[in-house]
Amino acid sequence: MHKLLFSTSDLPEEIKKALADMGFEEATPIQSLAIPAARQGRDIIGQAQTGTGKTAAFGIPLLEKVDGLQRHTQALVLCPTRELAIQVAEEFKRLAAHKRKIGIIPVYGGQPIERQLMALKKGAQVVVGTPGRVMDHLQRGTLKLDRLQTLVLDEADEMLDMGFIDDIETILKTVPAERQTLLFAATMPGPILAITRRYQKDPQLLSVVHEQLTVPSIEQAYVEVREQQKLEALSRLIDTLNTELSLVFCNTKKRVDEVVAALNTRGYQAEGLHGDLNQAQRDRVMNHFRKNDFDILVATDVAARGIDVSGIDVVFNYDLPWDEEDYVHRVGRTARAGKSGRAVTFVSSRDMRKLRDIQRFTGTRIHRQQIPTLRDVETSRQEAFIEKVNRILEGGLQERHLALAERLLSGDTPSLEVTAALVGLLVGPEVPQPAESEFSYRESEDDGGRVTVVAAVGRQHKVSPGDIVGAITGETGLPGKAIGAIRIFERQSFIDVPASQARALIETMNRSRIRNAAPEMRLAEPGEMPGEPPRRPKHGAAKHEYAGPGEKDFKKTGKKPFRKGYSHK
């Protein structure tokens, strides 16, 4: 199947610029099928699993049609859960970053409806919500869909399983008959097909048909790791596997640049390969790689096409590929010319379903592998050193080296101590051992206490506790219940987090965004938070508090800067 290249497509420039900012080069299979069809105004039935890029598949054509000068609601996306609604709204905001005056509002249960009422009153061209909360707004008259142009049913089969079918049908009867309806689901049970027959007009069925590919006979493994731990895990695996040439795959150009910079900072020799490089630059990188001038090549799928280097002994999937076929093409870069090879894939807990899909597609079993401990790294380095010394001995010693050794041993110092000193120069100091919980978060414990971090986003950025929790859990993998109180002021927010996770959380979040704003997180100084501490929530109240009037209001009016519990839950 021909895949769409974003840079050479006829998409609007503001969309292409947003995709470039996000680091995307090439459309996933479902995007390559759905985007052209949806841009033609066709109704679509898209069969796609979670994690295949379907949000952009319907989001790009949807946002292209939205008119920022018209304040009425033009598009509605229905999602089965509040977490997915938040996620879709955030991706829409990134896609619309260069398209001005586009209001994108998530509405879902568990969040006080007053805030949603205010947002809808100001005008929202795009609403992303759960069926129950959308129904609530329709009944209140606070959401009007009489001029709706596009309706999306995301993960329709999940909404069916959760009992939303009646709400969905009620909403479908409310919206204008002249509209575009895009339905996406992983499976197509009877009730979903019935909806497509009743409420879609000549829909185009889009389902990715895979080539029949086989995976080379190589050792395949996966490690389960959170986002902020990937770099450390990669470093340890490179050290313990003693790779000569390794290929690291990332899903975006931005990620390639970040990984290359981080690896070089740690003392590795790495270079990147992605679509922003011209042909001369690509040739230079590949020539150096073939000559072993550096040993780690970090690449996107697009840039890696045509790579045929026989010496690659390990392929790392730093990001799980969008598509099963991409996995096969990636791991096939090793085990060339009759040599053995190895592939290691990094996954988070939410990637497990996609990993099972890859195993079914390839007909192979991908075994779980533990992340090496620092003691494993130390042992591996020692073994590699001994092996290198033995190879030198087998190859014969040079006269000048023998002469220098004779001088070193001519004194009174015992030969064993002289040898140990030389080893120390080459091997380096002993590596400190990690804490037991280095690669796990113990949810049942407070994990060493809590600290407060400050984020440079607040009420002026229209940030809610749900935005903050969603961003942190999505970027770091930290469970939502591990996040403590959240206090939001005019220009900044204060968030209580586990002390043991604070440094990694700050580092990860400062490479991401919250409601399209850079959080610039840091540890709070003692006594820095304005106003008085938040009131203790009443029994049963949510713990993520919303600060009402900000610090400027407090100074002007003397009112307490907190009102009762406002939560993302």
Foldseek 3Di string as FASTA:
>chain_A
DDWDFLVPDPADPLLSVLCVVVFATIAFQQLRPQQVCVLVVFAAEEADDPLLPVLCSVLRSQVSPFDLVDQAAAEEEADAALLVLLVSLLVSCSSCVRPPNAAEEEWEPPFPCVLVLVSLVVGHNYYYYHLVRVVVCVVVVSHAQANYAEYEYEQVVSNVVVPCLVSVVVVLVRHDLRHHYYYYHNDQDDSNVVCCVPRGDPYDYDYDDDDQDAAPPAAFAEEAFWQLCLLVLVVQCCLLVVALAEEEEDNGPVVQVVSCVVCVVVPAFEDEFEDVDDPVVLVVVLVCCLVSVGHYYYYYLVRCPPDARARHAEYEHSDDDSDLVSVRVRQVNYCPPVRHHYYYYYHHPVCVVVVVVNCVSNVHDHHYDYRDWLVSSLVSLVVVVVVVVVVDVVVDDDPVVVVVLCVLCVDPDDPVVSVVVVCCVVSPDRDDGDDPCPGHDDPVDLQADKFKKKWQAAVCLVADQLLVLSLQCVQGVPDSVQKFEWEGADGMIITIHRPVCVVSSQVRLQVDDGSPHRGNMDTDDVPPAPFDDDDDADPPADGHFYFAYHRVVCVVPVDGRGDHRGHPD
